[in-house]
Amino acid sequence: MSYTGPDFDPPPSRRFRRGPLTVALAALVPGALLGWAVYAAVGGSGDDGGDASTSAGASASASSPAPSSADASPPDGPDESDGKKPSTSPDSASGSASASSSPSASVPAGTGPLKGKVVVIDPGHNPGNFRHTAEINRQVDIGTNSKECDTTGTSTNDGFSEAKFTLDVAHRMRALLEEQGATVKLTQDDDRPFGPCIDERARIGNKAKADAVVSIHADGSGTGNRGFHVILPGPVNSGAADTRAIVEPSRELGERIAGNFVRATGNGPSNYVGGGTGLVTRKDLGGLNLSTVPKVFIECGNMRDSKDAALLTSGAWRQKAARGISEGIASFLRG
């Protein structure tokens, strides 16, 4: 995703809120990041989880080679990014989770600590988007302005697409959250030709009256840019967008996810956005602007950095990432 432009807000300073829950929450992310720093200092592996891009890269041009098969990797550019990056290699990564026959439908909740809670997981980008450029390039209203319906997403240099990554992590998260009794819905599960558009993604969470929504992504920044970050909604009140009621609960959700992501993966926060906090606030993303329920995005790593790519293409690491995000959601929902 692009981190330039008039609507980008740097992460706001942390504010302490009254009450034992919020005091404990305020210590969650710094404590986790301290644990990561100790881990790194005593010999943790160099495979830190990479994160969101400051510039989504060069825009796709007509000269970019077209994918040659259904599994060909589409051009880059995380959901709602300001640019796209070309890629033509076929997708390939170990440990990929297979899609179920109708995975986007709500799954009946079982028993467990999250029984009665509804979680919407938004896998960034549809694997078929690159076949429908006219449809995903149409403008949709995000309250503050208009943006493209969607983008194709980024990929590793070897051709493992962001769309495949996000869907795999979403499947793993769904299994973990359902084990705890939550009702889980995906915004898409490669069960439609393209999309949904960013405004529809927001409406899916709103209609479900979700207790938490998390949009899964991977970044497409430059080599050497590494580390995860969680994107929080900023205060917006314009047109169809009004985030004022969800800014604070979304921040709590994001902080809990960031802290648990560090613990589960052993990877640190972004070294290129967020000032080392792993948290970034934005007011230019339709998926956040149009949400009426607590929602955050997470950029799990930078697909264009070789070290991060090695993590993102590992099924074992994706399981850790899914566990960290899911534990953050569960912590938020338990209160």
C-alpha atoms as a PDB file:
ATOM      1  CA  MET A   1       0.000   0.000   0.000  1.00  0.00           C
ATOM      2  CA  SER A   2       1.120   3.534  -0.619  1.00  0.00           C
ATOM      3  CA  TYR A   3       2.015   5.663   2.356  1.00  0.00           C
ATOM      4  CA  THR A   4       2.241   8.940   0.547  1.00  0.00           C
ATOM      5  CA  GLY A   5      -0.424  11.519  -0.126  1.00  0.00           C
ATOM      6  CA  PRO A   6      -2.485  14.110   1.700  1.00  0.00           C
ATOM      7  CA  ASP A   7      -4.680  11.592   3.513  1.00  0.00           C
ATOM      8  CA  PHE A   8      -1.869   9.696   5.183  1.00  0.00           C
ATOM      9  CA  ASP A   9      -1.636  10.289   8.895  1.00  0.00           C
ATOM     10  CA  PRO A  10       1.449   9.320  10.888  1.00  0.00           C
ATOM     11  CA  PRO A  11       0.682   7.119  13.889  1.00  0.00           C
ATOM     12  CA  PRO A  12      -0.813   9.277  16.645  1.00  0.00           C
ATOM     13  CA  SER A  13       0.794   9.408  20.031  1.00  0.00           C
ATOM     14  CA  ARG A  14      -0.447   6.780  22.463  1.00  0.00           C
ATOM     15  CA  ARG A  15      -3.110   7.979  24.850  1.00  0.00           C
ATOM     16  CA  PHE A  16      -3.842   6.293  28.142  1.00  0.00           C
ATOM     17  CA  ARG A  17      -7.478   5.530  28.762  1.00  0.00           C
ATOM     18  CA  ARG A  18      -8.998   5.013  32.144  1.00  0.00           C
ATOM     19  CA  GLY A  19      -9.828   1.596  33.498  1.00  0.00           C
ATOM     20  CA  PRO A  20      -7.819  -1.589  34.228  1.00  0.00           C
ATOM     21  CA  LEU A  21      -8.542  -3.127  30.806  1.00  0.00           C
ATOM     22  CA  THR A  22      -7.254  -0.203  28.821  1.00  0.00           C
ATOM     23  CA  VAL A  23      -4.234   0.263  31.076  1.00  0.00           C
ATOM     24  CA  ALA A  24      -3.321  -3.367  30.510  1.00  0.00           C
ATOM     25  CA  LEU A  25      -3.917  -2.904  26.800  1.00  0.00           C
ATOM     26  CA  ALA A  26      -1.631   0.096  26.630  1.00  0.00           C
ATOM     27  CA  ALA A  27       1.203  -2.104  27.880  1.00  0.00           C
ATOM     28  CA  LEU A  28       0.493  -4.974  25.497  1.00  0.00           C
ATOM     29  CA  VAL A  29       2.255  -3.852  22.330  1.00  0.00           C
ATOM     30  CA  PRO A  30       5.340  -2.287  23.999  1.00  0.00           C
ATOM     31  CA  GLY A  31       5.753  -5.452  26.102  1.00  0.00           C
ATOM     32  CA  ALA A  32       5.541  -7.665  23.077  1.00  0.00           C
ATOM     33  CA  LEU A  33       7.980  -5.502  21.122  1.00  0.00           C
ATOM     34  CA  LEU A  34      10.388  -5.573  24.065  1.00  0.00           C
ATOM     35  CA  GLY A  35      10.169  -9.354  24.006  1.00  0.00           C
ATOM     36  CA  TRP A  36      10.976  -9.285  20.318  1.00  0.00           C
ATOM     37  CA  ALA A  37      13.972  -7.038  20.918  1.00  0.00           C
ATOM     38  CA  VAL A  38      15.320  -9.460  23.532  1.00  0.00           C
ATOM     39  CA  TYR A  39      14.682 -12.347  21.168  1.00  0.00           C
ATOM     40  CA  ALA A  40      16.646 -10.648  18.409  1.00  0.00           C
ATOM     41  CA  ALA A  41      19.480  -9.668  20.738  1.00  0.00           C
ATOM     42  CA  VAL A  42      20.054 -13.222  21.966  1.00  0.00           C
ATOM     43  CA  GLY A  43      20.233 -14.725  18.516  1.00  0.00           C
ATOM     44  CA  GLY A  44      16.799 -14.856  16.957  1.00  0.00           C
ATOM     45  CA  SER A  45      16.795 -15.741  13.290  1.00  0.00           C
ATOM     46  CA  GLY A  46      17.136 -13.006  10.716  1.00  0.00           C
ATOM     47  CA  ASP A  47      13.792 -14.030   9.232  1.00  0.00           C
ATOM     48  CA  ASP A  48      11.813 -11.217  10.816  1.00  0.00           C
ATOM     49  CA  GLY A  49       8.305 -10.773   9.430  1.00  0.00           C
ATOM     50  CA  GLY A  50       8.295  -8.011   6.840  1.00  0.00           C
ATOM     51  CA  ASP A  51       5.687  -5.359   6.498  1.00  0.00           C
ATOM     52  CA  ALA A  52       3.737  -2.729   4.633  1.00  0.00           C
ATOM     53  CA  SER A  53       5.126  -0.652   1.799  1.00  0.00           C
ATOM     54  CA  THR A  54       5.751   3.042   1.704  1.00  0.00           C
ATOM     55  CA  SER A  55       5.185   3.079  -2.035  1.00  0.00           C
ATOM     56  CA  ALA A  56       3.370   0.294  -3.788  1.00  0.00           C
ATOM     57  CA  GLY A  57       5.795   0.445  -6.678  1.00  0.00           C
ATOM     58  CA  ALA A  58       5.579   1.298 -10.337  1.00  0.00           C
ATOM     59  CA  SER A  59       2.100   1.189 -11.816  1.00  0.00           C
ATOM     60  CA  ALA A  60       1.309  -1.689 -14.152  1.00  0.00           C
ATOM     61  CA  SER A  61       1.756  -0.707 -17.778  1.00  0.00           C
ATOM     62  CA  ALA A  62       0.504  -2.041 -21.066  1.00  0.00           C
ATOM     63  CA  SER A  63       3.948  -3.429 -21.724  1.00  0.00           C
ATOM     64  CA  SER A  64       3.763  -5.776 -18.727  1.00  0.00           C
ATOM     65  CA  PRO A  65       3.513  -9.397 -19.890  1.00  0.00           C
ATOM     66  CA  ALA A  66       0.093 -10.933 -19.354  1.00  0.00           C
ATOM     67  CA  PRO A  67      -0.179 -14.052 -17.146  1.00  0.00           C
ATOM     68  CA  SER A  68      -0.134 -17.186 -19.231  1.00  0.00           C
ATOM     69  CA  SER A  69      -2.354 -19.411 -17.095  1.00  0.00           C
ATOM     70  CA  ALA A  70      -5.004 -19.364 -14.388  1.00  0.00           C
ATOM     71  CA  ASP A  71      -2.289 -19.659 -11.754  1.00  0.00           C
ATOM     72  CA  ALA A  72      -0.131 -16.886 -13.168  1.00  0.00           C
ATOM     73  CA  SER A  73       0.702 -14.170 -10.704  1.00  0.00           C
ATOM     74  CA  PRO A  74      -1.121 -10.854 -11.244  1.00  0.00           C
ATOM     75  CA  PRO A  75       0.480  -7.431 -11.005  1.00  0.00           C
ATOM     76  CA  ASP A  76       1.203  -6.156  -7.513  1.00  0.00           C
ATOM     77  CA  GLY A  77      -0.458  -3.551  -5.378  1.00  0.00           C
ATOM     78  CA  PRO A  78      -2.121  -4.287  -2.026  1.00  0.00           C
ATOM     79  CA  ASP A  79      -5.817  -3.575  -1.639  1.00  0.00           C
ATOM     80  CA  GLU A  80      -6.568   0.089  -2.255  1.00  0.00           C
ATOM     81  CA  SER A  81      -2.922   0.781  -3.060  1.00  0.00           C
ATOM     82  CA  ASP A  82      -1.876   3.769  -5.137  1.00  0.00           C
ATOM     83  CA  GLY A  83       0.182   1.646  -7.505  1.00  0.00           C
ATOM     84  CA  LYS A  84       0.572  -1.826  -8.929  1.00  0.00           C
ATOM     85  CA  LYS A  85       3.692  -3.891  -9.554  1.00  0.00           C
ATOM     86  CA  PRO A  86       4.041  -6.330 -12.452  1.00  0.00           C
ATOM     87  CA  SER A  87       4.728 -10.006 -11.935  1.00  0.00           C
ATOM     88  CA  THR A  88       4.501 -12.892 -14.366  1.00  0.00           C
ATOM     89  CA  SER A  89       5.825 -15.945 -12.511  1.00  0.00           C
ATOM     90  CA  PRO A  90       3.402 -18.740 -11.536  1.00  0.00           C
ATOM     91  CA  ASP A  91       2.309 -19.000  -7.910  1.00  0.00           C
ATOM     92  CA  SER A  92       4.191 -21.564  -5.877  1.00  0.00           C
ATOM     93  CA  ALA A  93       4.508 -21.927  -2.127  1.00  0.00           C
ATOM     94  CA  SER A  94       4.579 -24.743   0.371  1.00  0.00           C
ATOM     95  CA  GLY A  95       1.801 -25.536   2.784  1.00  0.00           C
ATOM     96  CA  SER A  96      -1.026 -23.866   0.874  1.00  0.00           C
ATOM     97  CA  ALA A  97      -4.452 -24.486   2.383  1.00  0.00           C
ATOM     98  CA  SER A  98      -7.078 -25.740  -0.039  1.00  0.00           C
ATOM     99  CA  ALA A  99     -10.355 -23.866  -0.493  1.00  0.00           C
ATOM    100  CA  SER A 100     -13.600 -25.492   0.610  1.00  0.00           C
ATOM    101  CA  SER A 101     -16.596 -25.809  -1.684  1.00  0.00           C
ATOM    102  CA  SER A 102     -18.511 -22.832  -0.250  1.00  0.00           C
ATOM    103  CA  PRO A 103     -16.115 -21.226   2.234  1.00  0.00           C
ATOM    104  CA  SER A 104     -17.478 -17.694   2.200  1.00  0.00           C
ATOM    105  CA  ALA A 105     -20.728 -18.703   3.896  1.00  0.00           C
ATOM    106  CA  SER A 106     -21.085 -18.225   7.639  1.00  0.00           C
ATOM    107  CA  VAL A 107     -20.144 -21.323   9.621  1.00  0.00           C
ATOM    108  CA  PRO A 108     -22.330 -22.285  12.613  1.00  0.00           C
ATOM    109  CA  ALA A 109     -20.620 -21.482  15.874  1.00  0.00           C
ATOM    110  CA  GLY A 110     -19.668 -24.302  18.214  1.00  0.00           C
ATOM    111  CA  THR A 111     -18.903 -24.049  21.868  1.00  0.00           C
ATOM    112  CA  GLY A 112     -16.019 -22.200  23.414  1.00  0.00           C
ATOM    113  CA  PRO A 113     -14.996 -18.826  24.806  1.00  0.00           C
ATOM    114  CA  LEU A 114     -15.937 -17.023  21.572  1.00  0.00           C
ATOM    115  CA  LYS A 115     -19.404 -18.570  21.194  1.00  0.00           C
ATOM    116  CA  GLY A 116     -21.816 -15.884  20.026  1.00  0.00           C
ATOM    117  CA  LYS A 117     -19.047 -13.696  18.549  1.00  0.00           C
ATOM    118  CA  VAL A 118     -18.931 -12.932  14.834  1.00  0.00           C
ATOM    119  CA  VAL A 119     -15.607 -12.422  13.060  1.00  0.00           C
ATOM    120  CA  VAL A 120     -15.274 -11.344   9.437  1.00  0.00           C
ATOM    121  CA  ILE A 121     -11.963 -12.109   7.739  1.00  0.00           C
ATOM    122  CA  ASP A 122     -11.244 -10.112   4.593  1.00  0.00           C
ATOM    123  CA  PRO A 123      -8.592 -11.832   2.430  1.00  0.00           C
ATOM    124  CA  GLY A 124      -7.087  -8.951   0.467  1.00  0.00           C
ATOM    125  CA  HIS A 125      -7.675  -9.291  -3.297  1.00  0.00           C
ATOM    126  CA  ASN A 126      -9.345 -11.999  -5.311  1.00  0.00           C
ATOM    127  CA  PRO A 127      -7.054 -14.376  -7.245  1.00  0.00           C
ATOM    128  CA  GLY A 128      -9.155 -13.685 -10.350  1.00  0.00           C
ATOM    129  CA  ASN A 129      -8.888  -9.891 -10.229  1.00  0.00           C
ATOM    130  CA  PHE A 130      -6.183  -9.753 -12.889  1.00  0.00           C
ATOM    131  CA  ARG A 131      -8.605 -11.241 -15.424  1.00  0.00           C
ATOM    132  CA  HIS A 132     -11.118  -8.436 -14.786  1.00  0.00           C
ATOM    133  CA  THR A 133      -9.159  -5.204 -15.000  1.00  0.00           C
ATOM    134  CA  ALA A 134     -12.060  -3.139 -16.319  1.00  0.00           C
ATOM    135  CA  GLU A 135     -14.296  -4.207 -13.461  1.00  0.00           C
ATOM    136  CA  ILE A 136     -11.768  -3.660 -10.681  1.00  0.00           C
ATOM    137  CA  ASN A 137     -10.622  -0.331 -12.098  1.00  0.00           C
ATOM    138  CA  ARG A 138     -14.071   1.263 -11.882  1.00  0.00           C
ATOM    139  CA  GLN A 139     -14.399   3.960  -9.243  1.00  0.00           C
ATOM    140  CA  VAL A 140     -16.375   3.477  -6.038  1.00  0.00           C
ATOM    141  CA  ASP A 141     -17.283   6.016  -3.370  1.00  0.00           C
ATOM    142  CA  ILE A 142     -15.319   5.743  -0.110  1.00  0.00           C
ATOM    143  CA  GLY A 143     -16.816   8.804   1.558  1.00  0.00           C
ATOM    144  CA  THR A 144     -13.799  11.079   1.323  1.00  0.00           C
ATOM    145  CA  ASN A 145     -13.330  10.545  -2.420  1.00  0.00           C
ATOM    146  CA  SER A 146     -13.471   7.814  -5.068  1.00  0.00           C
ATOM    147  CA  LYS A 147     -11.039   4.924  -5.532  1.00  0.00           C
ATOM    148  CA  GLU A 148     -10.679   1.845  -7.686  1.00  0.00           C
ATOM    149  CA  CYS A 149     -13.003  -1.044  -6.880  1.00  0.00           C
ATOM    150  CA  ASP A 150      -9.983  -3.196  -6.041  1.00  0.00           C
ATOM    151  CA  THR A 151      -6.453  -4.002  -7.219  1.00  0.00           C
ATOM    152  CA  THR A 152      -4.721  -7.216  -8.197  1.00  0.00           C
ATOM    153  CA  GLY A 153      -2.357  -7.340  -5.244  1.00  0.00           C
ATOM    154  CA  THR A 154       1.382  -7.840  -5.094  1.00  0.00           C
ATOM    155  CA  SER A 155       3.543 -10.986  -5.308  1.00  0.00           C
ATOM    156  CA  THR A 156       6.965 -12.314  -4.438  1.00  0.00           C
ATOM    157  CA  ASN A 157       9.650 -12.126  -7.107  1.00  0.00           C
ATOM    158  CA  ASP A 158       9.097 -15.867  -7.630  1.00  0.00           C
ATOM    159  CA  GLY A 159       5.418 -15.318  -8.358  1.00  0.00           C
ATOM    160  CA  PHE A 160       3.609 -16.287  -5.130  1.00  0.00           C
ATOM    161  CA  SER A 161       0.705 -13.863  -5.164  1.00  0.00           C
ATOM    162  CA  GLU A 162      -0.654 -11.809  -2.312  1.00  0.00           C
ATOM    163  CA  ALA A 163      -4.119 -13.129  -3.166  1.00  0.00           C
ATOM    164  CA  LYS A 164      -2.989 -16.714  -2.573  1.00  0.00           C
ATOM    165  CA  PHE A 165      -1.184 -15.707   0.624  1.00  0.00           C
ATOM    166  CA  THR A 166      -4.152 -13.870   2.126  1.00  0.00           C
ATOM    167  CA  LEU A 167      -6.587 -16.675   1.337  1.00  0.00           C
ATOM    168  CA  ASP A 168      -4.333 -19.287   2.902  1.00  0.00           C
ATOM    169  CA  VAL A 169      -3.901 -17.257   6.099  1.00  0.00           C
ATOM    170  CA  ALA A 170      -7.665 -16.605   6.186  1.00  0.00           C
ATOM    171  CA  HIS A 171      -8.391 -20.356   6.034  1.00  0.00           C
ATOM    172  CA  ARG A 172      -5.986 -21.015   8.887  1.00  0.00           C
ATOM    173  CA  MET A 173      -7.501 -18.208  10.956  1.00  0.00           C
ATOM    174  CA  ARG A 174     -11.018 -19.471  10.334  1.00  0.00           C
ATOM    175  CA  ALA A 175     -10.127 -22.914  11.671  1.00  0.00           C
ATOM    176  CA  LEU A 176      -8.474 -21.455  14.790  1.00  0.00           C
ATOM    177  CA  LEU A 177     -11.350 -19.092  15.577  1.00  0.00           C
ATOM    178  CA  GLU A 178     -14.052 -21.681  14.950  1.00  0.00           C
ATOM    179  CA  GLU A 179     -12.290 -23.985  17.409  1.00  0.00           C
ATOM    180  CA  GLN A 180     -12.979 -21.315  20.014  1.00  0.00           C
ATOM    181  CA  GLY A 181     -16.656 -21.103  19.083  1.00  0.00           C
ATOM    182  CA  ALA A 182     -16.704 -17.991  16.894  1.00  0.00           C
ATOM    183  CA  THR A 183     -18.895 -17.649  13.823  1.00  0.00           C
ATOM    184  CA  VAL A 184     -16.536 -16.768  10.969  1.00  0.00           C
ATOM    185  CA  LYS A 185     -17.334 -15.274   7.565  1.00  0.00           C
ATOM    186  CA  LEU A 186     -14.933 -14.551   4.706  1.00  0.00           C
ATOM    187  CA  THR A 187     -15.572 -11.641   2.358  1.00  0.00           C
ATOM    188  CA  GLN A 188     -14.411 -13.860  -0.522  1.00  0.00           C
ATOM    189  CA  ASP A 189     -12.903 -17.299  -0.901  1.00  0.00           C
ATOM    190  CA  ASP A 190     -11.999 -17.392  -4.603  1.00  0.00           C
ATOM    191  CA  ASP A 191     -15.660 -18.258  -5.082  1.00  0.00           C
ATOM    192  CA  ARG A 192     -16.463 -15.322  -7.377  1.00  0.00           C
ATOM    193  CA  PRO A 193     -14.791 -14.092 -10.588  1.00  0.00           C
ATOM    194  CA  PHE A 194     -13.388 -10.894  -9.025  1.00  0.00           C
ATOM    195  CA  GLY A 195     -13.780  -8.573  -6.063  1.00  0.00           C
ATOM    196  CA  PRO A 196     -15.663  -7.785  -3.952  1.00  0.00           C
ATOM    197  CA  CYS A 197     -15.009  -4.075  -4.322  1.00  0.00           C
ATOM    198  CA  ILE A 198     -13.653  -2.223  -1.309  1.00  0.00           C
ATOM    199  CA  ASP A 199     -17.031  -0.688  -0.489  1.00  0.00           C
ATOM    200  CA  GLU A 200     -18.742  -4.089  -0.603  1.00  0.00           C
ATOM    201  CA  ARG A 201     -16.029  -5.559   1.622  1.00  0.00           C
ATOM    202  CA  ALA A 202     -16.951  -2.994   4.256  1.00  0.00           C
ATOM    203  CA  ARG A 203     -20.670  -3.679   3.841  1.00  0.00           C
ATOM    204  CA  ILE A 204     -20.151  -7.414   4.387  1.00  0.00           C
ATOM    205  CA  GLY A 205     -18.716  -6.757   7.848  1.00  0.00           C
ATOM    206  CA  ASN A 206     -21.386  -4.187   8.627  1.00  0.00           C
ATOM    207  CA  LYS A 207     -24.246  -6.464   7.540  1.00  0.00           C
ATOM    208  CA  ALA A 208     -22.844  -9.333   9.620  1.00  0.00           C
ATOM    209  CA  LYS A 209     -22.778  -7.005  12.655  1.00  0.00           C
ATOM    210  CA  ALA A 210     -19.279  -8.350  13.158  1.00  0.00           C
ATOM    211  CA  ASP A 211     -17.619  -7.984  16.532  1.00  0.00           C
ATOM    212  CA  ALA A 212     -14.287  -7.690  14.706  1.00  0.00           C
ATOM    213  CA  VAL A 213     -13.135  -7.485  11.083  1.00  0.00           C
ATOM    214  CA  VAL A 214      -9.550  -8.004   9.950  1.00  0.00           C
ATOM    215  CA  SER A 215      -8.331  -7.473   6.394  1.00  0.00           C
ATOM    216  CA  ILE A 216      -5.293  -9.638   5.574  1.00  0.00           C
ATOM    217  CA  HIS A 217      -2.547  -8.311   3.277  1.00  0.00           C
ATOM    218  CA  ALA A 218       1.128  -8.544   2.388  1.00  0.00           C
ATOM    219  CA  ASP A 219       3.135  -5.585   1.154  1.00  0.00           C
ATOM    220  CA  GLY A 220       5.070  -4.841  -2.020  1.00  0.00           C
ATOM    221  CA  SER A 221       7.753  -2.401  -0.901  1.00  0.00           C
ATOM    222  CA  GLY A 222      11.474  -2.196  -1.681  1.00  0.00           C
ATOM    223  CA  THR A 223      14.221  -4.630  -0.752  1.00  0.00           C
ATOM    224  CA  GLY A 224      15.350  -4.160   2.834  1.00  0.00           C
ATOM    225  CA  ASN A 225      11.949  -2.936   3.986  1.00  0.00           C
ATOM    226  CA  ARG A 226      10.767  -5.516   6.486  1.00  0.00           C
ATOM    227  CA  GLY A 227       8.386  -6.089   9.371  1.00  0.00           C
ATOM    228  CA  PHE A 228       4.607  -6.222   9.847  1.00  0.00           C
ATOM    229  CA  HIS A 229       2.276  -3.345  10.585  1.00  0.00           C
ATOM    230  CA  VAL A 230      -1.366  -2.972  11.507  1.00  0.00           C
ATOM    231  CA  ILE A 231      -3.376  -0.204   9.818  1.00  0.00           C
ATOM    232  CA  LEU A 232      -5.935   1.578  11.978  1.00  0.00           C
ATOM    233  CA  PRO A 233      -8.843   3.782  10.842  1.00  0.00           C
ATOM    234  CA  GLY A 234      -8.488   7.493  11.439  1.00  0.00           C
ATOM    235  CA  PRO A 235     -11.428   9.745  12.346  1.00  0.00           C
ATOM    236  CA  VAL A 236     -13.432  10.408   9.190  1.00  0.00           C
ATOM    237  CA  ASN A 237     -16.837  12.056   8.834  1.00  0.00           C
ATOM    238  CA  SER A 238     -17.474  12.740   5.168  1.00  0.00           C
ATOM    239  CA  GLY A 239     -20.215  11.578   2.825  1.00  0.00           C
ATOM    240  CA  ALA A 240     -20.989   7.919   3.451  1.00  0.00           C
ATOM    241  CA  ALA A 241     -17.997   7.550   5.772  1.00  0.00           C
ATOM    242  CA  ASP A 242     -18.178   8.045   9.543  1.00  0.00           C
ATOM    243  CA  THR A 243     -15.539   6.190  11.534  1.00  0.00           C
ATOM    244  CA  ARG A 244     -15.803   8.194  14.731  1.00  0.00           C
ATOM    245  CA  ALA A 245     -17.511   5.417  16.679  1.00  0.00           C
ATOM    246  CA  ILE A 246     -15.025   2.721  15.661  1.00  0.00           C
ATOM    247  CA  VAL A 247     -11.699   4.537  15.965  1.00  0.00           C
ATOM    248  CA  GLU A 248     -11.074   3.609  19.613  1.00  0.00           C
ATOM    249  CA  PRO A 249     -12.253  -0.035  19.529  1.00  0.00           C
ATOM    250  CA  SER A 250     -10.372  -0.545  16.271  1.00  0.00           C
ATOM    251  CA  ARG A 251      -7.210   0.755  17.937  1.00  0.00           C
ATOM    252  CA  GLU A 252      -7.680  -1.729  20.780  1.00  0.00           C
ATOM    253  CA  LEU A 253      -8.171  -4.524  18.253  1.00  0.00           C
ATOM    254  CA  GLY A 254      -5.064  -3.461  16.337  1.00  0.00           C
ATOM    255  CA  GLU A 255      -2.898  -3.201  19.440  1.00  0.00           C
ATOM    256  CA  ARG A 256      -3.879  -6.672  20.581  1.00  0.00           C
ATOM    257  CA  ILE A 257      -3.208  -8.136  17.143  1.00  0.00           C
ATOM    258  CA  ALA A 258       0.210  -6.432  16.951  1.00  0.00           C
ATOM    259  CA  GLY A 259       1.280  -7.736  20.351  1.00  0.00           C
ATOM    260  CA  ASN A 260       0.152 -11.284  19.665  1.00  0.00           C
ATOM    261  CA  PHE A 261       1.639 -11.274  16.163  1.00  0.00           C
ATOM    262  CA  VAL A 262       5.062 -10.496  17.644  1.00  0.00           C
ATOM    263  CA  ARG A 263       4.754 -13.294  20.196  1.00  0.00           C
ATOM    264  CA  ALA A 264       3.480 -15.901  17.738  1.00  0.00           C
ATOM    265  CA  THR A 265       5.924 -15.220  14.905  1.00  0.00           C
ATOM    266  CA  GLY A 266       8.977 -13.798  16.678  1.00  0.00           C
ATOM    267  CA  ASN A 267       9.057 -11.103  13.993  1.00  0.00           C
ATOM    268  CA  GLY A 268       9.362  -7.394  14.627  1.00  0.00           C
ATOM    269  CA  PRO A 269       7.384  -4.398  13.439  1.00  0.00           C
ATOM    270  CA  SER A 270       7.965  -2.520  10.209  1.00  0.00           C
ATOM    271  CA  ASN A 271      11.314  -0.794   9.825  1.00  0.00           C
ATOM    272  CA  TYR A 272       9.919   1.683   7.279  1.00  0.00           C
ATOM    273  CA  VAL A 273       6.496   2.871   8.510  1.00  0.00           C
ATOM    274  CA  GLY A 274       4.960   3.296  11.942  1.00  0.00           C
ATOM    275  CA  GLY A 275       8.061   4.487  13.772  1.00  0.00           C
ATOM    276  CA  GLY A 276       8.761   1.032  15.186  1.00  0.00           C
ATOM    277  CA  THR A 277       5.310   0.707  16.770  1.00  0.00           C
ATOM    278  CA  GLY A 278       3.824  -1.662  14.203  1.00  0.00           C
ATOM    279  CA  LEU A 279       0.804   0.671  14.032  1.00  0.00           C
ATOM    280  CA  VAL A 280      -0.164   3.097  11.260  1.00  0.00           C
ATOM    281  CA  THR A 281      -3.287   5.273  10.980  1.00  0.00           C
ATOM    282  CA  ARG A 282      -4.896   6.007   7.602  1.00  0.00           C
ATOM    283  CA  LYS A 283      -7.971   7.885   6.431  1.00  0.00           C
ATOM    284  CA  ASP A 284      -7.805   7.011   2.724  1.00  0.00           C
ATOM    285  CA  LEU A 285      -8.868   3.361   2.728  1.00  0.00           C
ATOM    286  CA  GLY A 286     -12.471   2.645   1.797  1.00  0.00           C
ATOM    287  CA  GLY A 287     -12.462  -0.666   3.622  1.00  0.00           C
ATOM    288  CA  LEU A 288     -11.882   1.238   6.860  1.00  0.00           C
ATOM    289  CA  ASN A 289     -13.735   4.474   6.081  1.00  0.00           C
ATOM    290  CA  LEU A 290     -17.007   2.696   5.319  1.00  0.00           C
ATOM    291  CA  SER A 291     -16.887   0.253   8.228  1.00  0.00           C
ATOM    292  CA  THR A 292     -19.331   0.684  11.098  1.00  0.00           C
ATOM    293  CA  VAL A 293     -17.774  -2.128  13.152  1.00  0.00           C
ATOM    294  CA  PRO A 294     -14.250  -2.439  14.615  1.00  0.00           C
ATOM    295  CA  LYS A 295     -11.864  -3.152  11.752  1.00  0.00           C
ATOM    296  CA  VAL A 296      -8.132  -3.111  10.980  1.00  0.00           C
ATOM    297  CA  PHE A 297      -5.822  -4.143   8.151  1.00  0.00           C
ATOM    298  CA  ILE A 298      -2.602  -6.077   8.730  1.00  0.00           C
ATOM    299  CA  GLU A 299       0.336  -6.119   6.327  1.00  0.00           C
ATOM    300  CA  CYS A 300       2.054  -9.348   7.363  1.00  0.00           C
ATOM    301  CA  GLY A 301       5.312  -8.834   5.493  1.00  0.00           C
ATOM    302  CA  ASN A 302       6.994  -7.398   2.408  1.00  0.00           C
ATOM    303  CA  MET A 303       6.758  -9.816  -0.503  1.00  0.00           C
ATOM    304  CA  ARG A 304       9.507  -7.987  -2.420  1.00  0.00           C
ATOM    305  CA  ASP A 305      12.165  -8.500   0.234  1.00  0.00           C
ATOM    306  CA  SER A 306      13.829 -11.911  -0.102  1.00  0.00           C
ATOM    307  CA  LYS A 307      13.996 -12.569   3.645  1.00  0.00           C
ATOM    308  CA  ASP A 308      10.362 -11.681   4.197  1.00  0.00           C
ATOM    309  CA  ALA A 309       9.371 -13.616   1.085  1.00  0.00           C
ATOM    310  CA  ALA A 310      10.984 -16.731   2.555  1.00  0.00           C
ATOM    311  CA  LEU A 311       8.630 -16.391   5.528  1.00  0.00           C
ATOM    312  CA  LEU A 312       5.512 -15.552   3.580  1.00  0.00           C
ATOM    313  CA  THR A 313       5.959 -18.576   1.292  1.00  0.00           C
ATOM    314  CA  SER A 314       6.388 -20.935   4.261  1.00  0.00           C
ATOM    315  CA  GLY A 315       3.268 -22.796   5.352  1.00  0.00           C
ATOM    316  CA  ALA A 316       4.703 -23.176   8.856  1.00  0.00           C
ATOM    317  CA  TRP A 317       5.234 -19.426   9.166  1.00  0.00           C
ATOM    318  CA  ARG A 318       1.772 -18.675   7.781  1.00  0.00           C
ATOM    319  CA  GLN A 319       0.350 -20.869  10.536  1.00  0.00           C
ATOM    320  CA  LYS A 320       2.223 -18.761  13.110  1.00  0.00           C
ATOM    321  CA  ALA A 321       0.918 -15.592  11.521  1.00  0.00           C
ATOM    322  CA  ALA A 322      -2.638 -16.926  11.534  1.00  0.00           C
ATOM    323  CA  ARG A 323      -2.289 -17.895  15.181  1.00  0.00           C
ATOM    324  CA  GLY A 324      -0.940 -14.486  16.165  1.00  0.00           C
ATOM    325  CA  ILE A 325      -3.730 -12.596  14.392  1.00  0.00           C
ATOM    326  CA  SER A 326      -6.393 -14.970  15.739  1.00  0.00           C
ATOM    327  CA  GLU A 327      -5.096 -14.698  19.292  1.00  0.00           C
ATOM    328  CA  GLY A 328      -5.189 -10.925  19.010  1.00  0.00           C
ATOM    329  CA  ILE A 329      -8.805 -11.068  17.831  1.00  0.00           C
ATOM    330  CA  ALA A 330      -9.747 -13.497  20.613  1.00  0.00           C
ATOM    331  CA  SER A 331      -8.090 -11.298  23.225  1.00  0.00           C
ATOM    332  CA  PHE A 332     -10.059  -8.287  21.953  1.00  0.00           C
ATOM    333  CA  LEU A 333     -13.349 -10.191  21.931  1.00  0.00           C
ATOM    334  CA  ARG A 334     -12.875 -11.605  25.416  1.00  0.00           C
ATOM    335  CA  GLY A 335     -12.254  -8.069  26.706  1.00  0.00           C
END
